[in-house]
Amino acid sequence: MGADQVDAAQMTHASLGYENRAQFYDIEYSETRDHGFLTSMIGSGSQRIMVLPGGTGTTALALHQARPDCATFSVDIEPEMVLAARARFEGIAGAGRAPVSVWGDMTDLAFDQPFDRILVAREAFQMLPDVATALACLASMKQALAPGGQIVLDIANFDCPAARSDLNYYDTSRTEGQPYLDCRQPYGAGLLLRHVTQYSDPNGDRRFQLSYQIETEEAEKTARFEASLALRRYDLPAVKALVAQTGLTCTTVYGDYDRSSFTADAPRICCILE
């Protein structure tokens, strides 16, 4: 365990906060089914790639392994995530350049050189709280984009039938407002448990209350904390309207990671912006 990590047994209810999620982020989120799709979106002439937000660096590392000829940047606003990604990238050797983990705000990206591809993975864009923030994010990415470059915006389609849904957290078989245990994994010498309570707002947005517990052999050192998450509902016309306001163009839309054409009942709204 590195110097920037804290032993679970040392955590208390008072000391544990949302930023500590970086330590068990990889336990919660082992999602990789979008990696092949994102790799396929990197053009042969691409030199600089941004993964936004980068989290603990799993996506950036997968892209680096597939395309070591590219300079891959993992960008996240949480300093703890940046540190975790740097630890993941440490010691990478071989052909090409190791991925780089840097702090950055989606709405105010500041880099000396532009990027050929900016990849906004999974529901990250839907976590932005309102239209103004979403527009600021799109405008910021446009400024960071190289001529001829592309932005890949991966959005969950909330209108997709339940049988085909690809949305993390939300499960149509669950009762709204009722907590469910959806993560129980070994963590150090103990266990990480996460209960999720889901809500569907009248406008179609999704909200989640996350309750974490890290159990250790010493009951008095068991750690607990709460976090919340909200995801905005977007349909394709809404996305295109936002994109148009920033002077970008939605050139292609895929309905899933197999690059199938988008339909109203597709699980994803994967927009390629130029």
C-alpha atoms as a PDB file:
ATOM      1  CA  MET A   1       0.000   0.000   0.000  1.00  0.00           C
ATOM      2  CA  GLY A   2       1.427   3.368  -1.037  1.00  0.00           C
ATOM      3  CA  ALA A   3       1.976   6.444   1.072  1.00  0.00           C
ATOM      4  CA  ASP A   4      -1.096   8.107  -0.427  1.00  0.00           C
ATOM      5  CA  GLN A   5      -3.390   5.287   0.740  1.00  0.00           C
ATOM      6  CA  VAL A   6      -4.891   4.637   4.156  1.00  0.00           C
ATOM      7  CA  ASP A   7      -5.327   1.226   5.727  1.00  0.00           C
ATOM      8  CA  ALA A   8      -9.028   0.415   6.051  1.00  0.00           C
ATOM      9  CA  ALA A   9      -8.537  -0.459   9.704  1.00  0.00           C
ATOM     10  CA  GLN A  10      -7.320   3.100  10.343  1.00  0.00           C
ATOM     11  CA  MET A  11     -10.462   4.703   8.928  1.00  0.00           C
ATOM     12  CA  THR A  12     -13.277   5.887  11.150  1.00  0.00           C
ATOM     13  CA  HIS A  13     -16.688   7.329  10.447  1.00  0.00           C
ATOM     14  CA  ALA A  14     -15.260  10.790  11.060  1.00  0.00           C
ATOM     15  CA  SER A  15     -12.204  10.464   8.821  1.00  0.00           C
ATOM     16  CA  LEU A  16     -13.688   8.637   5.842  1.00  0.00           C
ATOM     17  CA  GLY A  17     -14.988  10.861   3.047  1.00  0.00           C
ATOM     18  CA  TYR A  18     -15.975  10.649  -0.598  1.00  0.00           C
ATOM     19  CA  GLU A  19     -12.393  11.280  -1.708  1.00  0.00           C
ATOM     20  CA  ASN A  20     -11.352   7.974  -0.109  1.00  0.00           C
ATOM     21  CA  ARG A  21     -13.293   6.103  -2.811  1.00  0.00           C
ATOM     22  CA  ALA A  22     -10.142   6.162  -4.946  1.00  0.00           C
ATOM     23  CA  GLN A  23      -8.756   3.388  -2.745  1.00  0.00           C
ATOM     24  CA  PHE A  24     -11.516   0.913  -3.590  1.00  0.00           C
ATOM     25  CA  TYR A  25     -12.700   2.367  -6.893  1.00  0.00           C
ATOM     26  CA  ASP A  26     -11.349  -0.614  -8.812  1.00  0.00           C
ATOM     27  CA  ILE A  27     -13.371  -2.969  -6.609  1.00  0.00           C
ATOM     28  CA  GLU A  28     -16.580  -1.047  -7.267  1.00  0.00           C
ATOM     29  CA  TYR A  29     -15.995  -0.489 -10.958  1.00  0.00           C
ATOM     30  CA  SER A  30     -14.429  -3.321 -12.910  1.00  0.00           C
ATOM     31  CA  GLU A  31     -16.139  -2.140 -16.099  1.00  0.00           C
ATOM     32  CA  THR A  32     -14.122  -2.845 -19.254  1.00  0.00           C
ATOM     33  CA  ARG A  33     -16.706  -3.556 -21.956  1.00  0.00           C
ATOM     34  CA  ASP A  34     -16.232  -0.084 -23.469  1.00  0.00           C
ATOM     35  CA  HIS A  35     -12.444  -0.392 -23.821  1.00  0.00           C
ATOM     36  CA  GLY A  36     -12.497  -2.073 -27.230  1.00  0.00           C
ATOM     37  CA  PHE A  37     -14.917   0.520 -28.559  1.00  0.00           C
ATOM     38  CA  LEU A  38     -12.832   3.439 -27.302  1.00  0.00           C
ATOM     39  CA  THR A  39      -9.686   1.907 -28.775  1.00  0.00           C
ATOM     40  CA  SER A  40     -11.430   1.566 -32.135  1.00  0.00           C
ATOM     41  CA  MET A  41     -12.196   5.286 -32.044  1.00  0.00           C
ATOM     42  CA  ILE A  42      -8.498   6.221 -32.057  1.00  0.00           C
ATOM     43  CA  GLY A  43      -7.454   7.046 -35.605  1.00  0.00           C
ATOM     44  CA  SER A  44      -4.224   5.729 -37.098  1.00  0.00           C
ATOM     45  CA  GLY A  45      -2.714   9.225 -37.167  1.00  0.00           C
ATOM     46  CA  SER A  46      -3.642  10.106 -33.582  1.00  0.00           C
ATOM     47  CA  GLN A  47      -0.793  11.208 -31.346  1.00  0.00           C
ATOM     48  CA  ARG A  48      -2.406  12.640 -28.210  1.00  0.00           C
ATOM     49  CA  ILE A  49      -5.364  11.037 -26.414  1.00  0.00           C
ATOM     50  CA  MET A  50      -7.335  12.344 -23.429  1.00  0.00           C
ATOM     51  CA  VAL A  51      -9.502  10.146 -21.202  1.00  0.00           C
ATOM     52  CA  LEU A  52     -11.988  12.324 -19.320  1.00  0.00           C
ATOM     53  CA  PRO A  53     -12.523  11.736 -16.467  1.00  0.00           C
ATOM     54  CA  GLY A  54      -9.665   9.321 -15.992  1.00  0.00           C
ATOM     55  CA  GLY A  55     -10.575   7.805 -12.612  1.00  0.00           C
ATOM     56  CA  THR A  56      -7.858   5.460 -11.375  1.00  0.00           C
ATOM     57  CA  GLY A  57      -6.426   5.034 -14.868  1.00  0.00           C
ATOM     58  CA  THR A  58      -7.827   1.664 -15.944  1.00  0.00           C
ATOM     59  CA  THR A  59      -9.183   2.968 -19.259  1.00  0.00           C
ATOM     60  CA  ALA A  60      -6.054   4.977 -20.050  1.00  0.00           C
ATOM     61  CA  LEU A  61      -3.896   1.924 -19.344  1.00  0.00           C
ATOM     62  CA  ALA A  62      -5.998  -0.246 -21.666  1.00  0.00           C
ATOM     63  CA  LEU A  63      -5.689   2.359 -24.416  1.00  0.00           C
ATOM     64  CA  HIS A  64      -1.932   2.584 -23.873  1.00  0.00           C
ATOM     65  CA  GLN A  65      -1.588  -1.183 -24.149  1.00  0.00           C
ATOM     66  CA  ALA A  66      -3.522  -1.152 -27.418  1.00  0.00           C
ATOM     67  CA  ARG A  67      -1.889   1.988 -28.801  1.00  0.00           C
ATOM     68  CA  PRO A  68       1.522   2.545 -27.157  1.00  0.00           C
ATOM     69  CA  ASP A  69       2.390   4.890 -30.031  1.00  0.00           C
ATOM     70  CA  CYS A  70      -0.016   7.488 -28.615  1.00  0.00           C
ATOM     71  CA  ALA A  71       0.567   9.853 -25.683  1.00  0.00           C
ATOM     72  CA  THR A  72      -2.386   9.030 -23.423  1.00  0.00           C
ATOM     73  CA  PHE A  73      -3.520  11.421 -20.689  1.00  0.00           C
ATOM     74  CA  SER A  74      -5.832  10.421 -17.831  1.00  0.00           C
ATOM     75  CA  VAL A  75      -7.529  13.610 -16.571  1.00  0.00           C
ATOM     76  CA  ASP A  76      -9.595  13.774 -13.369  1.00  0.00           C
ATOM     77  CA  ILE A  77     -10.785  16.489 -10.997  1.00  0.00           C
ATOM     78  CA  GLU A  78     -10.308  14.367  -7.862  1.00  0.00           C
ATOM     79  CA  PRO A  79      -6.670  14.579  -6.649  1.00  0.00           C
ATOM     80  CA  GLU A  80      -7.006  11.139  -5.049  1.00  0.00           C
ATOM     81  CA  MET A  81      -7.971   9.610  -8.386  1.00  0.00           C
ATOM     82  CA  VAL A  82      -4.984  11.298 -10.030  1.00  0.00           C
ATOM     83  CA  LEU A  83      -2.648   9.828  -7.411  1.00  0.00           C
ATOM     84  CA  ALA A  84      -4.167   6.354  -7.809  1.00  0.00           C
ATOM     85  CA  ALA A  85      -3.727   6.520 -11.597  1.00  0.00           C
ATOM     86  CA  ARG A  86      -0.117   7.654 -11.219  1.00  0.00           C
ATOM     87  CA  ALA A  87       0.551   4.669  -8.979  1.00  0.00           C
ATOM     88  CA  ARG A  88      -1.004   2.403 -11.629  1.00  0.00           C
ATOM     89  CA  PHE A  89       1.182   3.870 -14.374  1.00  0.00           C
ATOM     90  CA  GLU A  90       4.388   3.807 -12.362  1.00  0.00           C
ATOM     91  CA  GLY A  91       7.027   1.545 -13.791  1.00  0.00           C
ATOM     92  CA  ILE A  92       5.399   1.041 -17.187  1.00  0.00           C
ATOM     93  CA  ALA A  93       8.139   0.377 -19.690  1.00  0.00           C
ATOM     94  CA  GLY A  94       8.479  -0.767 -23.246  1.00  0.00           C
ATOM     95  CA  ALA A  95       7.600   0.765 -26.589  1.00  0.00           C
ATOM     96  CA  GLY A  96       5.915   4.137 -26.509  1.00  0.00           C
ATOM     97  CA  ARG A  97       5.291   6.558 -23.705  1.00  0.00           C
ATOM     98  CA  ALA A  98       3.661   5.636 -20.381  1.00  0.00           C
ATOM     99  CA  PRO A  99       0.238   7.161 -19.724  1.00  0.00           C
ATOM    100  CA  VAL A 100       0.172  10.433 -17.808  1.00  0.00           C
ATOM    101  CA  SER A 101      -2.265  11.217 -14.989  1.00  0.00           C
ATOM    102  CA  VAL A 102      -3.044  14.892 -14.432  1.00  0.00           C
ATOM    103  CA  TRP A 103      -5.594  16.989 -12.572  1.00  0.00           C
ATOM    104  CA  GLY A 104      -8.147  18.731 -14.756  1.00  0.00           C
ATOM    105  CA  ASP A 105     -11.648  20.182 -14.711  1.00  0.00           C
ATOM    106  CA  MET A 106     -13.973  19.030 -17.520  1.00  0.00           C
ATOM    107  CA  THR A 107     -15.352  22.555 -17.802  1.00  0.00           C
ATOM    108  CA  ASP A 108     -11.987  24.324 -17.916  1.00  0.00           C
ATOM    109  CA  LEU A 109      -9.332  22.192 -19.590  1.00  0.00           C
ATOM    110  CA  ALA A 110      -5.967  23.910 -19.923  1.00  0.00           C
ATOM    111  CA  PHE A 111      -3.217  22.149 -21.891  1.00  0.00           C
ATOM    112  CA  ASP A 112      -0.303  23.477 -23.911  1.00  0.00           C
ATOM    113  CA  GLN A 113      -0.970  21.112 -26.825  1.00  0.00           C
ATOM    114  CA  PRO A 114      -4.293  19.962 -28.312  1.00  0.00           C
ATOM    115  CA  PHE A 115      -5.587  16.386 -28.453  1.00  0.00           C
ATOM    116  CA  ASP A 116      -6.498  14.241 -31.444  1.00  0.00           C
ATOM    117  CA  ARG A 117      -9.076  12.288 -29.451  1.00  0.00           C
ATOM    118  CA  ILE A 118     -10.988  13.212 -26.289  1.00  0.00           C
ATOM    119  CA  LEU A 119     -12.826  10.205 -24.871  1.00  0.00           C
ATOM    120  CA  VAL A 120     -15.618  10.845 -22.348  1.00  0.00           C
ATOM    121  CA  ALA A 121     -16.306   7.362 -21.045  1.00  0.00           C
ATOM    122  CA  ARG A 122     -19.557   5.803 -19.829  1.00  0.00           C
ATOM    123  CA  GLU A 123     -21.992   8.171 -18.038  1.00  0.00           C
ATOM    124  CA  ALA A 124     -19.449  10.858 -17.080  1.00  0.00           C
ATOM    125  CA  PHE A 125     -21.118  13.572 -19.181  1.00  0.00           C
ATOM    126  CA  GLN A 126     -24.460  12.775 -17.540  1.00  0.00           C
ATOM    127  CA  MET A 127     -23.006  13.522 -14.117  1.00  0.00           C
ATOM    128  CA  LEU A 128     -22.708  17.204 -15.000  1.00  0.00           C
ATOM    129  CA  PRO A 129     -25.471  18.863 -12.983  1.00  0.00           C
ATOM    130  CA  ASP A 130     -27.109  21.231 -15.464  1.00  0.00           C
ATOM    131  CA  VAL A 131     -27.194  22.537 -19.030  1.00  0.00           C
ATOM    132  CA  ALA A 132     -24.796  25.400 -18.314  1.00  0.00           C
ATOM    133  CA  THR A 133     -22.153  23.019 -16.992  1.00  0.00           C
ATOM    134  CA  ALA A 134     -22.670  20.626 -19.908  1.00  0.00           C
ATOM    135  CA  LEU A 135     -22.189  23.488 -22.384  1.00  0.00           C
ATOM    136  CA  ALA A 136     -19.057  24.633 -20.550  1.00  0.00           C
ATOM    137  CA  CYS A 137     -17.686  21.094 -20.778  1.00  0.00           C
ATOM    138  CA  LEU A 138     -18.361  20.849 -24.518  1.00  0.00           C
ATOM    139  CA  ALA A 139     -16.829  24.275 -25.153  1.00  0.00           C
ATOM    140  CA  SER A 140     -13.764  23.372 -23.079  1.00  0.00           C
ATOM    141  CA  MET A 141     -13.245  20.113 -24.970  1.00  0.00           C
ATOM    142  CA  LYS A 142     -13.643  21.924 -28.278  1.00  0.00           C
ATOM    143  CA  GLN A 143     -10.836  24.302 -27.274  1.00  0.00           C
ATOM    144  CA  ALA A 144      -8.621  21.337 -26.366  1.00  0.00           C
ATOM    145  CA  LEU A 145      -9.291  19.501 -29.645  1.00  0.00           C
ATOM    146  CA  ALA A 146      -6.727  19.439 -32.451  1.00  0.00           C
ATOM    147  CA  PRO A 147      -7.808  20.285 -36.017  1.00  0.00           C
ATOM    148  CA  GLY A 148      -9.389  17.173 -37.490  1.00  0.00           C
ATOM    149  CA  GLY A 149      -9.738  15.648 -34.034  1.00  0.00           C
ATOM    150  CA  GLN A 150     -12.787  13.946 -32.544  1.00  0.00           C
ATOM    151  CA  ILE A 151     -14.624  13.830 -29.230  1.00  0.00           C
ATOM    152  CA  VAL A 152     -16.290  10.561 -28.228  1.00  0.00           C
ATOM    153  CA  LEU A 153     -19.261  11.186 -25.929  1.00  0.00           C
ATOM    154  CA  ASP A 154     -20.639   7.975 -24.410  1.00  0.00           C
ATOM    155  CA  ILE A 155     -24.138   8.386 -22.929  1.00  0.00           C
ATOM    156  CA  ALA A 156     -26.534   5.819 -21.449  1.00  0.00           C
ATOM    157  CA  ASN A 157     -29.937   5.779 -23.126  1.00  0.00           C
ATOM    158  CA  PHE A 158     -32.490   5.846 -20.300  1.00  0.00           C
ATOM    159  CA  ASP A 159     -35.264   5.144 -22.820  1.00  0.00           C
ATOM    160  CA  CYS A 160     -33.794   1.751 -23.655  1.00  0.00           C
ATOM    161  CA  PRO A 161     -36.016  -1.232 -22.642  1.00  0.00           C
ATOM    162  CA  ALA A 162     -35.002  -2.767 -19.335  1.00  0.00           C
ATOM    163  CA  ALA A 163     -33.880  -6.016 -20.973  1.00  0.00           C
ATOM    164  CA  ARG A 164     -31.240  -4.144 -22.995  1.00  0.00           C
ATOM    165  CA  SER A 165     -30.285  -1.472 -20.463  1.00  0.00           C
ATOM    166  CA  ASP A 166     -26.578  -0.835 -19.964  1.00  0.00           C
ATOM    167  CA  LEU A 167     -26.838   1.697 -17.135  1.00  0.00           C
ATOM    168  CA  ASN A 168     -24.702   1.178 -14.058  1.00  0.00           C
ATOM    169  CA  TYR A 169     -26.457   1.310 -10.661  1.00  0.00           C
ATOM    170  CA  TYR A 170     -30.035   1.425 -11.959  1.00  0.00           C
ATOM    171  CA  ASP A 171     -32.075  -1.772 -11.973  1.00  0.00           C
ATOM    172  CA  THR A 172     -35.719  -1.627 -13.067  1.00  0.00           C
ATOM    173  CA  SER A 173     -36.548  -4.697 -10.954  1.00  0.00           C
ATOM    174  CA  ARG A 174     -35.742  -2.812  -7.762  1.00  0.00           C
ATOM    175  CA  THR A 175     -38.210  -0.805  -5.708  1.00  0.00           C
ATOM    176  CA  GLU A 176     -37.612   2.951  -5.805  1.00  0.00           C
ATOM    177  CA  GLY A 177     -36.427   4.294  -2.454  1.00  0.00           C
ATOM    178  CA  GLN A 178     -35.446   0.849  -1.157  1.00  0.00           C
ATOM    179  CA  PRO A 179     -31.738   0.211  -0.397  1.00  0.00           C
ATOM    180  CA  TYR A 180     -30.152  -2.838  -2.034  1.00  0.00           C
ATOM    181  CA  LEU A 181     -26.787  -4.449  -1.354  1.00  0.00           C
ATOM    182  CA  ASP A 182     -25.061  -4.408  -4.750  1.00  0.00           C
ATOM    183  CA  CYS A 183     -21.385  -4.709  -3.823  1.00  0.00           C
ATOM    184  CA  ARG A 184     -19.813  -7.105  -1.330  1.00  0.00           C
ATOM    185  CA  GLN A 185     -16.141  -7.590  -2.047  1.00  0.00           C
ATOM    186  CA  PRO A 186     -12.983  -8.412  -0.080  1.00  0.00           C
ATOM    187  CA  TYR A 187     -11.057  -5.300   0.864  1.00  0.00           C
ATOM    188  CA  GLY A 188      -7.701  -5.736   2.580  1.00  0.00           C
ATOM    189  CA  ALA A 189      -8.332  -7.916   5.605  1.00  0.00           C
ATOM    190  CA  GLY A 190     -12.012  -6.992   5.628  1.00  0.00           C
ATOM    191  CA  LEU A 191     -15.016  -6.439   3.401  1.00  0.00           C
ATOM    192  CA  LEU A 192     -16.374  -3.543   1.358  1.00  0.00           C
ATOM    193  CA  LEU A 193     -20.166  -3.335   1.254  1.00  0.00           C
ATOM    194  CA  ARG A 194     -22.190  -0.859  -0.764  1.00  0.00           C
ATOM    195  CA  HIS A 195     -25.950  -0.349  -0.584  1.00  0.00           C
ATOM    196  CA  VAL A 196     -27.637   1.630  -3.369  1.00  0.00           C
ATOM    197  CA  THR A 197     -31.001   3.335  -3.187  1.00  0.00           C
ATOM    198  CA  GLN A 198     -32.282   4.446  -6.588  1.00  0.00           C
ATOM    199  CA  TYR A 199     -34.774   7.087  -7.626  1.00  0.00           C
ATOM    200  CA  SER A 200     -36.273   8.058 -10.982  1.00  0.00           C
ATOM    201  CA  ASP A 201     -37.320  11.708 -11.216  1.00  0.00           C
ATOM    202  CA  PRO A 202     -40.374  12.834 -13.223  1.00  0.00           C
ATOM    203  CA  ASN A 203     -38.064  14.372 -15.862  1.00  0.00           C
ATOM    204  CA  GLY A 204     -36.349  11.032 -16.355  1.00  0.00           C
ATOM    205  CA  ASP A 205     -33.144  11.813 -14.440  1.00  0.00           C
ATOM    206  CA  ARG A 206     -31.757   9.125 -12.160  1.00  0.00           C
ATOM    207  CA  ARG A 207     -30.541   9.665  -8.598  1.00  0.00           C
ATOM    208  CA  PHE A 208     -28.679   7.269  -6.341  1.00  0.00           C
ATOM    209  CA  GLN A 209     -27.861   7.283  -2.654  1.00  0.00           C
ATOM    210  CA  LEU A 210     -24.755   5.202  -1.940  1.00  0.00           C
ATOM    211  CA  SER A 211     -24.079   3.838   1.532  1.00  0.00           C
ATOM    212  CA  TYR A 212     -20.617   2.360   2.124  1.00  0.00           C
ATOM    213  CA  GLN A 213     -19.329   0.194   4.919  1.00  0.00           C
ATOM    214  CA  ILE A 214     -15.827  -1.211   5.323  1.00  0.00           C
ATOM    215  CA  GLU A 215     -15.934  -4.011   7.861  1.00  0.00           C
ATOM    216  CA  THR A 216     -12.816  -5.076   9.727  1.00  0.00           C
ATOM    217  CA  GLU A 217     -12.203  -7.657  12.411  1.00  0.00           C
ATOM    218  CA  GLU A 218     -12.183  -4.852  14.954  1.00  0.00           C
ATOM    219  CA  ALA A 219     -15.800  -3.685  15.078  1.00  0.00           C
ATOM    220  CA  GLU A 220     -14.921  -0.319  16.586  1.00  0.00           C
ATOM    221  CA  LYS A 221     -12.845   0.524  13.503  1.00  0.00           C
ATOM    222  CA  THR A 222     -15.577  -0.234  10.970  1.00  0.00           C
ATOM    223  CA  ALA A 223     -15.864   2.698   8.565  1.00  0.00           C
ATOM    224  CA  ARG A 224     -19.068   4.094   7.077  1.00  0.00           C
ATOM    225  CA  PHE A 225     -19.930   6.978   4.813  1.00  0.00           C
ATOM    226  CA  GLU A 226     -22.625   8.193   2.442  1.00  0.00           C
ATOM    227  CA  ALA A 227     -22.369   9.564  -1.081  1.00  0.00           C
ATOM    228  CA  SER A 228     -24.880  10.583  -3.727  1.00  0.00           C
ATOM    229  CA  LEU A 229     -24.907  10.474  -7.504  1.00  0.00           C
ATOM    230  CA  ALA A 230     -27.240  12.005 -10.077  1.00  0.00           C
ATOM    231  CA  LEU A 231     -27.359  11.235 -13.800  1.00  0.00           C
ATOM    232  CA  ARG A 232     -29.174  13.461 -16.272  1.00  0.00           C
ATOM    233  CA  ARG A 233     -31.406  11.958 -18.934  1.00  0.00           C
ATOM    234  CA  TYR A 234     -30.478  12.825 -22.516  1.00  0.00           C
ATOM    235  CA  ASP A 235     -32.088  11.750 -25.752  1.00  0.00           C
ATOM    236  CA  LEU A 236     -30.342  12.184 -29.086  1.00  0.00           C
ATOM    237  CA  PRO A 237     -32.107  15.465 -30.051  1.00  0.00           C
ATOM    238  CA  ALA A 238     -31.115  16.992 -26.696  1.00  0.00           C
ATOM    239  CA  VAL A 239     -27.482  15.979 -27.167  1.00  0.00           C
ATOM    240  CA  LYS A 240     -27.382  17.338 -30.705  1.00  0.00           C
ATOM    241  CA  ALA A 241     -28.924  20.628 -29.559  1.00  0.00           C
ATOM    242  CA  LEU A 242     -26.238  21.091 -26.898  1.00  0.00           C
ATOM    243  CA  VAL A 243     -23.469  20.149 -29.306  1.00  0.00           C
ATOM    244  CA  ALA A 244     -24.711  22.615 -31.925  1.00  0.00           C
ATOM    245  CA  GLN A 245     -24.646  25.470 -29.401  1.00  0.00           C
ATOM    246  CA  THR A 246     -20.889  25.070 -29.013  1.00  0.00           C
ATOM    247  CA  GLY A 247     -20.147  24.916 -32.746  1.00  0.00           C
ATOM    248  CA  LEU A 248     -19.384  21.206 -32.741  1.00  0.00           C
ATOM    249  CA  THR A 249     -21.037  18.714 -35.095  1.00  0.00           C
ATOM    250  CA  CYS A 250     -22.337  15.246 -34.245  1.00  0.00           C
ATOM    251  CA  THR A 251     -21.107  13.305 -37.274  1.00  0.00           C
ATOM    252  CA  THR A 252     -21.873   9.723 -36.201  1.00  0.00           C
ATOM    253  CA  VAL A 253     -24.019   8.091 -33.504  1.00  0.00           C
ATOM    254  CA  TYR A 254     -23.621   4.476 -32.395  1.00  0.00           C
ATOM    255  CA  GLY A 255     -26.151   2.584 -30.312  1.00  0.00           C
ATOM    256  CA  ASP A 256     -23.710   0.224 -28.607  1.00  0.00           C
ATOM    257  CA  TYR A 257     -20.049  -0.698 -28.315  1.00  0.00           C
ATOM    258  CA  ASP A 258     -20.279  -2.958 -31.343  1.00  0.00           C
ATOM    259  CA  ARG A 259     -20.642   0.259 -33.395  1.00  0.00           C
ATOM    260  CA  SER A 260     -24.173  -0.663 -34.435  1.00  0.00           C
ATOM    261  CA  SER A 261     -26.345   2.191 -35.672  1.00  0.00           C
ATOM    262  CA  PHE A 262     -28.318   4.095 -33.051  1.00  0.00           C
ATOM    263  CA  THR A 263     -32.016   3.330 -32.659  1.00  0.00           C
ATOM    264  CA  ALA A 264     -34.501   4.601 -30.076  1.00  0.00           C
ATOM    265  CA  ASP A 265     -34.205   1.385 -28.050  1.00  0.00           C
ATOM    266  CA  ALA A 266     -30.389   1.144 -28.176  1.00  0.00           C
ATOM    267  CA  PRO A 267     -28.583   0.922 -24.804  1.00  0.00           C
ATOM    268  CA  ARG A 268     -26.043   3.672 -25.577  1.00  0.00           C
ATOM    269  CA  ILE A 269     -25.919   7.027 -27.359  1.00  0.00           C
ATOM    270  CA  CYS A 270     -22.277   7.127 -28.483  1.00  0.00           C
ATOM    271  CA  CYS A 271     -21.765  10.420 -30.303  1.00  0.00           C
ATOM    272  CA  ILE A 272     -18.711  11.250 -32.381  1.00  0.00           C
ATOM    273  CA  LEU A 273     -18.200  15.021 -32.357  1.00  0.00           C
ATOM    274  CA  GLU A 274     -16.015  17.094 -34.644  1.00  0.00           C
END
